[in-house]
Amino acid sequence: MTIEELNDILAIDESYHIERTISTGNMDKFQEAICAFANDLPGKRQKGYLLIGVYDDGRISGLNVDDSLMKKISGIRSDGNIIPLPVMNTEKVETPEGDVLVVEVTPSLIPPVRYRGRTFIRIGPRRDIATEAEERILFERRAAFMATFDATPCFAAKLEDLDLDVFRNKFLPKAVSLDILESETRPVEEQLAALGMFDLANNCPTFAGIILFGRNPRKFMPGAYVQYVSFEGTDKTSNVVNEREFSENYCELLPKLESLLEMSIIKQYPVPASMLREDMVKNYPYWAIRELLMNGCMHRDLQSNTPLRFYEFSDHLEITNAGGLYGNARPENFPKINDYRNPIIAGAMKSLGYVNRYNRGIGQVQKELSENGNPPAQFDVTLLTAFAVEVKKCTSQAKKVHQSKVQKYTSQDKKGHQSEGTSQTTKGHQSHNEEHRPFGKNILTLKERVVDFCSAPKSITEIASFLGVKNKRKARERYIDPQLGITLERTIPDKPTSRLQKYVAIKKGTSQK
């Protein structure tokens, strides 16, 4: 290291990767600092520097670095107190004001690094012992170079803990081509193992298998559920209007989240565009909120006991999931760079059609929010143990902006009204409203019709006949199951497959768990 390079480091205040000291005998202090630099909790991947012979304000103390001091500091690397061994280099830099002993530490690829059994980290310019949550972040970094959590075996589970009907009927047809399925003769354990969802060596499912097809994922992962709460006001101190817990496996949970958005969250408001025409504006764009929810399910820390929280307030939505940015994704490169905490689950969700894995999601979310008149989504990527996003509701002012976008159509309509007459104007008005109805209107309308039809208890046969659907199983999977606990409930909840089973609409304001 040259004097110029040293001066550049001295010009920087003490921070997460720089520590100064004039002490030469406090070996505990030196080893704690080296351990903290090796752990690199902020994830900046910058080398840490312990500068011996420098005051806190950056002035050189006039130290004389001899061979004995060099050997003592260099011996820290291999004395066995810091495990795993740190990657470090010691160098003496001679200056006119005195010598400086520079200890350069490279961030470890296999954290957490411990000094005498304790994990030290840097929090800004301060050194401290890591909390359990902070150690988990370091463990996740280690996992980025090893097997991820979703690929590890769930030793407490057995094959019977997986719903194999869900695996065969809902997942395989979308994940594997039809010709391969028709020629498949392997046992189901081998089929699951080929997709990373079963560990043949230990004869048990992986955590990915439990979260995707498990009969009761929370039995093995207490935080594996989604908590939805609707608040009356703008913060958590206001009254709770509705609440719901989704704790099913992902093949059953994700369609229910879609129905929750369609039936309860996304609402439309008419905005006058002319004297005879209205334009429909939504409080939130459906596909943007869906993308954020699915990303939360895909990237969450499944080892945490904290659920994915989806909170609805009168003026905004909040989505918070356990686990901060992972792997190569860091605050300074988000959202340009992404990484997968749960790659097997991410692949399965792509097969099911819930994510695309093209790293375009955040950009599309912001684009759709802008087009709908919402402010940009606000992402909090500074949290170490969580990832949060807030989406503001489309306000009346935003609606005026949206209305201005269709102003040119208004003037054209007025000309058309004068030349074509009342009957043509009415026809044109209806056509325009048809064009501006939300995407997926047929699905949304049919689901609403099912709820209205079930104001009195109805059987699956009656519902299928009402919809004009011949296949009762498809009618149940598409229009009933995703709405259970949200807008519909079973009349015999303890016996889901009873031949006397009927379905009835839930009264508004009723909380289901």
Protein backbone atom coordinates (compact mmCIF):
# COMPACT_ATOMS: atom_id res chain seq x y z
CA MET A 1 0.00 0.00 0.00
CA THR A 2 1.36 3.42 -0.95
CA ILE A 3 1.20 6.56 1.19
CA GLU A 4 -1.31 8.01 -1.28
CA GLU A 5 -3.61 4.99 -0.86
CA LEU A 6 -3.25 5.23 2.92
CA ASN A 7 -4.12 8.94 2.85
CA ASP A 8 -7.28 8.13 0.85
CA ILE A 9 -8.35 5.70 3.58
CA LEU A 10 -7.44 8.14 6.36
CA ALA A 11 -9.64 10.77 4.73
CA ILE A 12 -12.69 8.54 5.29
CA ASP A 13 -14.39 8.66 8.69
CA GLU A 14 -14.69 5.45 10.68
CA SER A 15 -17.42 3.32 9.15
CA TYR A 16 -18.49 -0.29 8.67
CA HIS A 17 -15.17 -1.08 6.91
CA ILE A 18 -12.66 1.23 8.65
CA GLU A 19 -11.48 1.22 12.28
CA ARG A 20 -8.62 3.26 13.78
CA THR A 21 -6.65 2.69 16.99
CA ILE A 22 -3.43 3.79 18.68
CA SER A 23 -3.35 0.71 20.91
CA THR A 24 -0.75 -1.97 20.21
CA GLY A 25 -1.50 -4.50 22.94
CA ASN A 26 -5.30 -4.98 22.98
CA MET A 27 -5.44 -8.26 21.07
CA ASP A 28 -9.13 -8.84 21.87
CA LYS A 29 -10.01 -5.53 20.23
CA PHE A 30 -7.97 -6.37 17.12
CA GLN A 31 -9.50 -9.83 16.71
CA GLU A 32 -13.05 -8.58 17.26
CA ALA A 33 -12.48 -5.96 14.54
CA ILE A 34 -11.09 -8.54 12.09
CA CYS A 35 -14.04 -10.87 12.82
CA ALA A 36 -16.52 -8.04 12.21
CA PHE A 37 -14.89 -7.05 8.90
CA ALA A 38 -14.94 -10.68 7.74
CA ASN A 39 -18.69 -10.93 8.44
CA ASP A 40 -19.48 -7.80 6.35
CA LEU A 41 -23.07 -7.52 7.62
CA PRO A 42 -24.01 -4.62 5.25
CA GLY A 43 -23.13 -6.89 2.32
CA LYS A 44 -21.09 -4.23 0.50
CA ARG A 45 -18.29 -6.73 -0.22
CA GLN A 46 -15.66 -4.08 0.44
CA LYS A 47 -12.46 -4.96 2.26
CA GLY A 48 -12.18 -3.83 5.86
CA TYR A 49 -9.18 -1.93 7.23
CA LEU A 50 -7.87 -1.93 10.80
CA LEU A 51 -5.41 0.97 11.04
CA ILE A 52 -3.04 0.63 14.01
CA GLY A 53 -1.17 3.81 14.87
CA VAL A 54 -3.91 6.28 13.89
CA TYR A 55 -6.04 8.53 16.12
CA ASP A 56 -9.85 8.57 15.80
CA ASP A 57 -9.66 11.89 13.93
CA GLY A 58 -7.31 10.41 11.29
CA ARG A 59 -3.99 11.81 12.57
CA ILE A 60 -0.98 9.48 12.61
CA SER A 61 0.28 8.86 16.16
CA GLY A 62 3.99 8.35 15.40
CA LEU A 63 4.07 4.61 16.09
CA ASN A 64 7.20 2.58 15.35
CA VAL A 65 6.08 -0.77 13.90
CA ASP A 66 8.74 -3.42 14.61
CA ASP A 67 8.96 -7.08 13.62
CA SER A 68 7.48 -8.35 16.89
CA LEU A 69 4.32 -6.28 16.42
CA MET A 70 4.03 -7.41 12.80
CA LYS A 71 4.35 -11.09 13.82
CA LYS A 72 1.85 -10.69 16.67
CA ILE A 73 -0.82 -9.14 14.45
CA SER A 74 -0.17 -11.53 11.54
CA GLY A 75 -0.50 -14.47 13.92
CA ILE A 76 -4.16 -13.59 14.52
CA ARG A 77 -5.07 -15.31 11.26
CA SER A 78 -4.03 -18.78 12.37
CA ASP A 79 -4.15 -18.78 16.18
CA GLY A 80 -7.52 -20.60 16.11
CA ASN A 81 -9.55 -17.94 17.90
CA ILE A 82 -11.31 -16.75 14.72
CA ILE A 83 -13.28 -19.51 12.95
CA PRO A 84 -13.42 -19.96 9.99
CA LEU A 85 -9.96 -18.55 9.34
CA PRO A 86 -10.15 -14.98 8.00
CA VAL A 87 -8.59 -13.88 4.72
CA MET A 88 -6.33 -11.01 5.79
CA ASN A 89 -3.09 -9.25 5.02
CA THR A 90 -0.85 -7.08 7.22
CA GLU A 91 1.39 -4.36 5.91
CA LYS A 92 3.54 -1.59 7.39
CA VAL A 93 3.28 1.80 5.74
CA GLU A 94 6.00 4.30 6.60
CA THR A 95 5.07 8.01 6.61
CA PRO A 96 6.90 11.18 7.74
CA GLU A 97 4.63 11.30 10.83
CA GLY A 98 5.28 7.66 11.79
CA ASP A 99 4.43 4.09 10.85
CA VAL A 100 0.93 2.72 10.31
CA LEU A 101 0.19 -1.00 10.53
CA VAL A 102 -2.60 -1.77 8.07
CA VAL A 103 -4.64 -4.97 8.49
CA GLU A 104 -6.69 -5.61 5.34
CA VAL A 105 -9.59 -8.09 5.77
CA THR A 106 -11.57 -9.67 2.90
CA PRO A 107 -15.30 -10.41 3.50
CA SER A 108 -15.82 -14.11 4.13
CA LEU A 109 -17.68 -16.29 1.63
CA ILE A 110 -18.82 -18.62 4.43
CA PRO A 111 -20.10 -16.43 7.26
CA PRO A 112 -20.84 -16.21 10.13
CA VAL A 113 -17.25 -15.83 11.30
CA ARG A 114 -16.85 -16.10 15.08
CA TYR A 115 -14.20 -14.98 17.54
CA ARG A 116 -14.15 -17.29 20.56
CA GLY A 117 -17.70 -18.43 19.79
CA ARG A 118 -19.19 -14.94 19.34
CA THR A 119 -20.20 -13.33 16.05
CA PHE A 120 -18.98 -9.75 15.81
CA ILE A 121 -20.35 -7.31 13.23
CA ARG A 122 -19.98 -3.66 12.30
CA ILE A 123 -23.02 -1.40 12.62
CA GLY A 124 -21.80 1.79 11.02
CA PRO A 125 -18.65 2.85 12.92
CA ARG A 126 -19.58 0.70 15.94
CA ARG A 127 -18.64 -2.89 16.64
CA ASP A 128 -21.14 -5.20 18.36
CA ILE A 129 -22.23 -8.82 18.83
CA ALA A 130 -24.75 -10.03 16.22
CA THR A 131 -28.32 -10.76 17.22
CA GLU A 132 -30.05 -14.01 16.24
CA ALA A 133 -31.74 -12.27 13.30
CA GLU A 134 -28.43 -10.79 12.11
CA GLU A 135 -26.75 -14.20 12.35
CA ARG A 136 -29.53 -15.60 10.17
CA ILE A 137 -28.67 -13.04 7.49
CA LEU A 138 -25.07 -14.24 7.58
CA PHE A 139 -26.21 -17.86 7.40
CA GLU A 140 -28.26 -17.01 4.31
CA ARG A 141 -25.16 -15.59 2.65
CA ARG A 142 -23.37 -18.83 3.35
CA ALA A 143 -26.35 -20.68 1.84
CA ALA A 144 -25.98 -18.61 -1.33
CA PHE A 145 -22.83 -20.64 -2.02
CA MET A 146 -24.34 -23.90 -0.81
CA ALA A 147 -27.74 -25.63 -0.90
CA THR A 148 -30.61 -23.21 -0.31
CA PHE A 149 -33.09 -23.77 2.50
CA ASP A 150 -35.93 -24.87 0.23
CA ALA A 151 -33.68 -27.65 -1.14
CA THR A 152 -32.80 -29.05 2.29
CA PRO A 153 -34.64 -32.11 3.65
CA CYS A 154 -37.43 -31.63 6.19
CA PHE A 155 -36.45 -34.53 8.44
CA ALA A 156 -39.61 -34.34 10.56
CA ALA A 157 -41.87 -34.86 7.52
CA LYS A 158 -42.89 -38.00 5.64
CA LEU A 159 -44.35 -38.64 2.20
CA GLU A 160 -47.80 -38.77 3.82
CA ASP A 161 -47.43 -35.09 4.76
CA LEU A 162 -47.65 -34.16 1.06
CA ASP A 163 -50.96 -33.88 -0.76
CA LEU A 164 -50.10 -36.06 -3.73
CA ASP A 165 -53.43 -35.33 -5.45
CA VAL A 166 -52.46 -31.67 -5.60
CA PHE A 167 -49.03 -32.64 -6.91
CA ARG A 168 -50.43 -34.90 -9.64
CA ASN A 169 -53.50 -32.89 -10.69
CA LYS A 170 -52.53 -29.25 -10.18
CA PHE A 171 -48.77 -29.09 -10.50
CA LEU A 172 -47.47 -31.82 -12.82
CA PRO A 173 -49.72 -30.94 -15.80
CA LYS A 174 -48.28 -27.42 -15.77
CA ALA A 175 -44.68 -28.29 -14.92
CA VAL A 176 -44.10 -31.32 -17.17
CA SER A 177 -45.03 -31.83 -20.82
CA LEU A 178 -47.93 -34.17 -21.59
CA ASP A 179 -45.86 -36.74 -23.52
CA ILE A 180 -43.46 -37.14 -20.59
CA LEU A 181 -46.35 -37.52 -18.15
CA GLU A 182 -47.93 -40.23 -20.28
CA SER A 183 -44.69 -42.25 -20.31
CA GLU A 184 -43.88 -41.68 -16.62
CA THR A 185 -43.50 -44.95 -14.69
CA ARG A 186 -41.25 -43.92 -11.78
CA PRO A 187 -42.49 -44.02 -8.17
CA VAL A 188 -43.88 -40.74 -6.92
CA GLU A 189 -40.86 -40.26 -4.62
CA GLU A 190 -38.55 -40.23 -7.62
CA GLN A 191 -40.85 -37.88 -9.52
CA LEU A 192 -40.78 -35.46 -6.58
CA ALA A 193 -37.01 -35.83 -6.19
CA ALA A 194 -36.46 -35.01 -9.87
CA LEU A 195 -38.11 -31.63 -9.19
CA GLY A 196 -36.15 -30.98 -5.97
CA MET A 197 -39.11 -31.66 -3.69
CA PHE A 198 -38.08 -34.96 -2.08
CA ASP A 199 -34.81 -36.16 -0.57
CA LEU A 200 -34.29 -39.81 -1.51
CA ALA A 201 -31.22 -40.26 0.73
CA ASN A 202 -33.20 -39.32 3.83
CA ASN A 203 -36.61 -40.52 2.55
CA CYS A 204 -38.38 -37.27 3.36
CA PRO A 205 -39.75 -34.21 1.53
CA THR A 206 -37.68 -31.08 1.12
CA PHE A 207 -39.00 -27.80 2.49
CA ALA A 208 -39.93 -26.84 -1.09
CA GLY A 209 -42.19 -29.89 -1.28
CA ILE A 210 -43.82 -28.98 2.05
CA ILE A 211 -44.51 -25.37 1.05
CA LEU A 212 -45.84 -26.32 -2.41
CA PHE A 213 -47.90 -29.45 -1.65
CA GLY A 214 -47.85 -29.95 2.11
CA ARG A 215 -51.09 -30.82 3.89
CA ASN A 216 -50.11 -28.52 6.75
CA PRO A 217 -47.01 -26.39 5.97
CA ARG A 218 -47.24 -24.51 9.29
CA LYS A 219 -46.59 -27.76 11.17
CA PHE A 220 -42.99 -27.61 9.93
CA MET A 221 -42.62 -23.86 9.25
CA PRO A 222 -44.63 -21.82 11.79
CA GLY A 223 -44.37 -18.64 9.72
CA ALA A 224 -45.56 -20.22 6.46
CA TYR A 225 -48.81 -18.31 6.08
CA VAL A 226 -50.16 -14.98 4.79
CA GLN A 227 -51.84 -12.62 7.23
CA TYR A 228 -54.35 -10.26 5.61
CA VAL A 229 -55.80 -7.43 7.70
CA SER A 230 -58.08 -4.62 6.53
CA PHE A 231 -57.94 -1.47 8.67
CA GLU A 232 -60.59 1.22 8.75
CA GLY A 233 -58.11 4.10 8.87
CA THR A 234 -54.63 4.95 7.64
CA ASP A 235 -52.54 3.17 10.31
CA LYS A 236 -52.51 0.08 12.51
CA THR A 237 -54.12 1.87 15.45
CA SER A 238 -57.44 2.11 13.59
CA ASN A 239 -60.24 -0.44 13.85
CA VAL A 240 -59.88 -3.79 12.08
CA VAL A 241 -62.58 -4.25 9.44
CA ASN A 242 -61.63 -7.73 8.29
CA GLU A 243 -58.84 -10.27 8.74
CA ARG A 244 -57.89 -13.58 7.19
CA GLU A 245 -55.09 -16.13 7.45
CA PHE A 246 -54.01 -18.14 4.40
CA SER A 247 -52.02 -21.15 5.56
CA GLU A 248 -52.54 -23.67 2.75
CA ASN A 249 -49.80 -24.99 0.48
CA TYR A 250 -48.89 -22.71 -2.40
CA CYS A 251 -50.87 -24.64 -5.02
CA GLU A 252 -54.02 -23.80 -3.02
CA LEU A 253 -52.96 -20.53 -1.40
CA LEU A 254 -51.89 -18.55 -4.48
CA PRO A 255 -55.29 -18.84 -6.28
CA LYS A 256 -56.96 -17.64 -3.07
CA LEU A 257 -54.73 -14.58 -3.01
CA GLU A 258 -55.80 -13.83 -6.57
CA SER A 259 -59.46 -14.10 -5.56
CA LEU A 260 -58.85 -11.86 -2.55
CA LEU A 261 -57.51 -9.19 -4.88
CA GLU A 262 -60.32 -9.58 -7.41
CA MET A 263 -63.18 -9.70 -4.91
CA SER A 264 -62.07 -7.53 -2.00
CA ILE A 265 -59.09 -5.28 -2.80
CA ILE A 266 -59.41 -3.99 -6.37
CA LYS A 267 -62.36 -1.62 -6.77
CA GLN A 268 -63.52 0.55 -9.66
CA TYR A 269 -64.73 4.13 -9.64
CA PRO A 270 -66.51 5.96 -12.49
CA VAL A 271 -64.86 9.19 -13.65
CA PRO A 272 -66.94 11.45 -15.93
CA ALA A 273 -65.21 11.84 -19.27
CA SER A 274 -68.05 13.71 -20.99
CA MET A 275 -71.70 14.49 -20.37
CA LEU A 276 -72.73 11.11 -21.72
CA ARG A 277 -69.73 8.93 -20.96
CA GLU A 278 -67.86 7.65 -17.92
CA ASP A 279 -64.40 6.14 -17.69
CA MET A 280 -63.67 3.47 -15.06
CA VAL A 281 -60.60 3.99 -12.86
CA LYS A 282 -59.37 1.40 -10.34
CA ASN A 283 -58.00 2.15 -6.87
CA TYR A 284 -55.08 -0.20 -7.63
CA PRO A 285 -54.02 -1.98 -10.83
CA TYR A 286 -54.70 -5.68 -10.32
CA TRP A 287 -51.58 -7.07 -12.02
CA ALA A 288 -49.23 -4.72 -10.14
CA ILE A 289 -50.50 -5.77 -6.70
CA ARG A 290 -50.60 -9.41 -7.78
CA GLU A 291 -46.95 -9.18 -8.86
CA LEU A 292 -45.91 -7.73 -5.50
CA LEU A 293 -47.80 -10.40 -3.57
CA MET A 294 -46.34 -13.23 -5.63
CA ASN A 295 -42.83 -11.82 -5.24
CA GLY A 296 -43.37 -11.74 -1.49
CA CYS A 297 -44.38 -15.41 -1.50
CA MET A 298 -41.44 -16.35 -3.70
CA HIS A 299 -38.64 -14.50 -1.86
CA ARG A 300 -39.73 -14.83 1.78
CA ASP A 301 -37.48 -16.30 4.47
CA LEU A 302 -39.20 -19.59 5.26
CA GLN A 303 -37.09 -20.09 8.39
CA SER A 304 -38.69 -17.10 10.07
CA ASN A 305 -41.73 -17.41 12.32
CA THR A 306 -43.08 -14.15 10.90
CA PRO A 307 -45.86 -14.45 8.30
CA LEU A 308 -46.09 -12.53 5.07
CA ARG A 309 -48.17 -9.49 6.07
CA PHE A 310 -50.64 -7.99 3.60
CA TYR A 311 -52.29 -4.97 5.20
CA GLU A 312 -54.99 -2.86 3.57
CA PHE A 313 -55.53 0.69 4.84
CA SER A 314 -58.01 3.30 3.69
CA ASP A 315 -55.37 5.06 1.58
CA HIS A 316 -52.65 2.48 0.88
CA LEU A 317 -51.52 -1.16 0.89
CA GLU A 318 -48.52 -2.60 2.71
CA ILE A 319 -46.78 -5.90 1.95
CA THR A 320 -44.01 -7.04 4.30
CA ASN A 321 -42.26 -10.39 4.24
CA ALA A 322 -39.46 -11.85 6.37
CA GLY A 323 -36.01 -11.73 4.82
CA GLY A 324 -34.23 -8.72 3.35
CA LEU A 325 -32.43 -8.57 0.02
CA TYR A 326 -30.70 -11.86 -0.72
CA GLY A 327 -27.44 -12.93 -2.32
CA ASN A 328 -26.29 -10.62 -5.12
CA ALA A 329 -29.22 -8.24 -4.60
CA ARG A 330 -28.15 -5.26 -2.48
CA PRO A 331 -29.62 -1.80 -1.76
CA GLU A 332 -27.31 -0.09 -4.23
CA ASN A 333 -28.26 -2.35 -7.17
CA PHE A 334 -31.95 -3.01 -6.43
CA PRO A 335 -34.03 -3.64 -8.54
CA LYS A 336 -31.57 -4.09 -11.42
CA ILE A 337 -30.05 -7.22 -9.87
CA ASN A 338 -32.07 -10.04 -8.33
CA ASP A 339 -31.27 -13.33 -6.65
CA TYR A 340 -33.36 -16.23 -5.41
CA ARG A 341 -33.55 -17.22 -1.78
CA ASN A 342 -35.84 -20.13 -2.75
CA PRO A 343 -34.90 -21.15 -6.32
CA ILE A 344 -36.95 -24.39 -6.34
CA ILE A 345 -40.06 -22.55 -5.18
CA ALA A 346 -39.38 -19.78 -7.70
CA GLY A 347 -39.18 -22.34 -10.51
CA ALA A 348 -42.40 -24.01 -9.39
CA MET A 349 -44.24 -20.67 -9.26
CA LYS A 350 -43.05 -19.94 -12.79
CA SER A 351 -44.40 -23.31 -13.96
CA LEU A 352 -47.73 -22.49 -12.32
CA GLY A 353 -47.83 -19.12 -14.10
CA TYR A 354 -47.49 -16.82 -11.09
CA VAL A 355 -44.06 -15.28 -11.84
CA ASN A 356 -41.88 -14.90 -14.93
CA ARG A 357 -38.32 -14.78 -13.49
CA TYR A 358 -37.22 -12.26 -16.13
CA ASN A 359 -36.33 -9.61 -13.51
CA ARG A 360 -38.89 -7.27 -15.11
CA GLY A 361 -41.49 -7.39 -12.35
CA ILE A 362 -40.64 -4.20 -10.46
CA GLY A 363 -40.42 -2.15 -13.64
CA GLN A 364 -43.79 -3.46 -14.81
CA VAL A 365 -45.32 -2.72 -11.39
CA GLN A 366 -44.19 0.91 -11.52
CA LYS A 367 -45.40 1.26 -15.10
CA GLU A 368 -48.88 -0.08 -14.33
CA LEU A 369 -49.17 2.09 -11.21
CA SER A 370 -48.28 5.15 -13.25
CA GLU A 371 -50.78 4.29 -15.99
CA ASN A 372 -53.51 3.79 -13.38
CA GLY A 373 -52.78 7.13 -11.70
CA ASN A 374 -51.12 5.75 -8.54
CA PRO A 375 -47.87 7.15 -7.11
CA PRO A 376 -44.83 4.87 -7.52
CA ALA A 377 -44.51 1.97 -5.10
CA GLN A 378 -42.12 2.70 -2.24
CA PHE A 379 -39.68 -0.13 -1.42
CA ASP A 380 -37.85 -0.27 1.90
CA VAL A 381 -34.69 -2.26 1.16
CA THR A 382 -32.75 -0.95 4.19
CA LEU A 383 -34.32 -3.47 6.58
CA LEU A 384 -31.96 -6.31 7.46
CA THR A 385 -34.59 -8.91 8.34
CA ALA A 386 -37.56 -7.87 6.22
CA PHE A 387 -38.58 -6.50 2.82
CA ALA A 388 -41.42 -4.00 2.66
CA VAL A 389 -43.35 -2.22 -0.08
CA GLU A 390 -46.07 0.42 0.17
CA VAL A 391 -48.54 1.30 -2.59
CA LYS A 392 -50.67 4.42 -2.35
CA LYS A 393 -54.28 4.41 -3.45
CA CYS A 394 -55.30 6.18 -6.65
CA THR A 395 -56.53 9.54 -5.33
CA SER A 396 -59.14 11.92 -6.68
CA GLN A 397 -56.33 14.14 -7.95
CA ALA A 398 -54.80 11.17 -9.76
CA LYS A 399 -58.18 10.46 -11.29
CA LYS A 400 -58.24 14.00 -12.67
CA VAL A 401 -54.87 13.32 -14.26
CA HIS A 402 -56.25 10.12 -15.74
CA GLN A 403 -59.30 12.03 -16.96
CA SER A 404 -57.03 14.50 -18.75
CA LYS A 405 -55.48 11.60 -20.66
CA VAL A 406 -58.84 10.89 -22.30
CA GLN A 407 -59.64 14.57 -22.89
CA LYS A 408 -58.91 14.24 -26.59
CA TYR A 409 -61.51 11.50 -26.86
CA THR A 410 -64.08 13.79 -25.24
CA SER A 411 -63.79 16.46 -27.92
CA GLN A 412 -64.03 13.81 -30.62
CA ASP A 413 -67.12 12.34 -28.96
CA LYS A 414 -68.84 15.73 -28.84
CA LYS A 415 -68.34 16.13 -32.58
CA GLY A 416 -69.65 12.62 -33.11
CA HIS A 417 -72.69 13.32 -30.91
CA GLN A 418 -73.65 16.39 -32.95
CA SER A 419 -73.35 14.60 -36.29
CA GLU A 420 -74.63 11.13 -35.43
CA GLY A 421 -77.58 11.81 -33.14
CA THR A 422 -78.70 10.44 -29.82
CA SER A 423 -79.03 6.78 -30.79
CA GLN A 424 -75.51 6.63 -32.19
CA THR A 425 -74.15 8.52 -29.18
CA THR A 426 -75.63 6.00 -26.78
CA LYS A 427 -74.21 3.15 -28.81
CA GLY A 428 -70.77 4.75 -28.86
CA HIS A 429 -70.97 5.37 -25.11
CA GLN A 430 -71.67 1.73 -24.40
CA SER A 431 -68.87 0.61 -26.68
CA HIS A 432 -66.38 2.89 -24.92
CA ASN A 433 -67.33 1.54 -21.52
CA GLU A 434 -66.86 -1.99 -22.80
CA GLU A 435 -63.34 -1.11 -23.94
CA HIS A 436 -62.36 0.40 -20.56
CA ARG A 437 -63.56 -2.40 -18.32
CA PRO A 438 -60.74 -4.05 -16.34
CA PHE A 439 -58.68 -6.91 -17.66
CA GLY A 440 -60.17 -10.29 -16.76
CA LYS A 441 -63.76 -8.95 -16.54
CA ASN A 442 -65.28 -12.31 -17.54
CA ILE A 443 -63.62 -14.15 -14.66
CA LEU A 444 -64.43 -11.40 -12.19
CA THR A 445 -68.06 -11.21 -13.31
CA LEU A 446 -68.57 -14.97 -13.06
CA LYS A 447 -67.10 -15.08 -9.55
CA GLU A 448 -69.37 -12.26 -8.46
CA ARG A 449 -72.34 -14.07 -10.00
CA VAL A 450 -71.46 -17.22 -8.06
CA VAL A 451 -71.43 -15.27 -4.80
CA ASP A 452 -74.80 -13.67 -5.59
CA PHE A 453 -76.22 -17.06 -6.60
CA CYS A 454 -75.07 -18.52 -3.27
CA SER A 455 -76.96 -16.01 -1.15
CA ALA A 456 -78.83 -19.20 -0.18
CA PRO A 457 -76.89 -22.50 0.11
CA LYS A 458 -76.27 -24.20 -3.24
CA SER A 459 -74.73 -27.55 -4.18
CA ILE A 460 -71.86 -27.93 -6.65
CA THR A 461 -74.34 -29.41 -9.16
CA GLU A 462 -76.54 -26.33 -8.92
CA ILE A 463 -73.56 -23.97 -9.23
CA ALA A 464 -72.13 -25.80 -12.24
CA SER A 465 -75.55 -25.76 -13.93
CA PHE A 466 -75.91 -22.04 -13.17
CA LEU A 467 -72.51 -21.35 -14.77
CA GLY A 468 -73.18 -23.63 -17.71
CA VAL A 469 -70.10 -25.71 -16.86
CA LYS A 470 -70.35 -29.47 -17.40
CA ASN A 471 -67.27 -30.47 -15.39
CA LYS A 472 -68.17 -30.02 -11.72
CA ARG A 473 -64.59 -30.51 -10.55
CA LYS A 474 -63.35 -27.65 -12.73
CA ALA A 475 -66.24 -25.46 -11.60
CA ARG A 476 -65.29 -26.08 -7.99
CA GLU A 477 -61.54 -25.53 -8.53
CA ARG A 478 -61.96 -22.37 -10.62
CA TYR A 479 -64.92 -20.57 -9.06
CA ILE A 480 -65.46 -21.96 -5.55
CA ASP A 481 -62.21 -23.14 -3.93
CA PRO A 482 -60.30 -19.85 -4.43
CA GLN A 483 -63.16 -17.96 -2.73
CA LEU A 484 -63.54 -20.21 0.31
CA GLY A 485 -63.03 -18.19 3.47
CA ILE A 486 -63.17 -14.93 1.50
CA THR A 487 -66.66 -14.68 -0.02
CA LEU A 488 -67.91 -18.29 0.23
CA GLU A 489 -67.98 -20.96 2.94
CA ARG A 490 -69.01 -24.61 3.22
CA THR A 491 -72.23 -25.54 5.01
CA ILE A 492 -70.48 -28.68 6.33
CA PRO A 493 -66.91 -27.43 6.98
CA ASP A 494 -65.78 -30.54 8.86
CA LYS A 495 -66.56 -32.81 5.89
CA PRO A 496 -65.36 -31.06 2.71
CA THR A 497 -66.17 -34.05 0.47
CA SER A 498 -69.64 -34.78 1.85
CA ARG A 499 -72.24 -35.52 -0.82
CA LEU A 500 -74.55 -33.14 1.06
CA GLN A 501 -72.01 -30.31 0.89
CA LYS A 502 -73.29 -26.89 -0.14
CA TYR A 503 -71.79 -23.43 -0.43
CA VAL A 504 -73.14 -20.12 0.86
CA ALA A 505 -71.99 -16.51 0.60
CA ILE A 506 -70.26 -15.03 3.65
CA LYS A 507 -71.94 -11.95 5.02
CA LYS A 508 -69.87 -8.79 4.57
CA GLY A 509 -67.81 -7.81 7.59
CA THR A 510 -67.50 -11.40 8.81
CA SER A 511 -63.93 -12.39 9.66
CA GLN A 512 -62.84 -15.87 8.56
CA LYS A 513 -59.80 -17.74 9.88
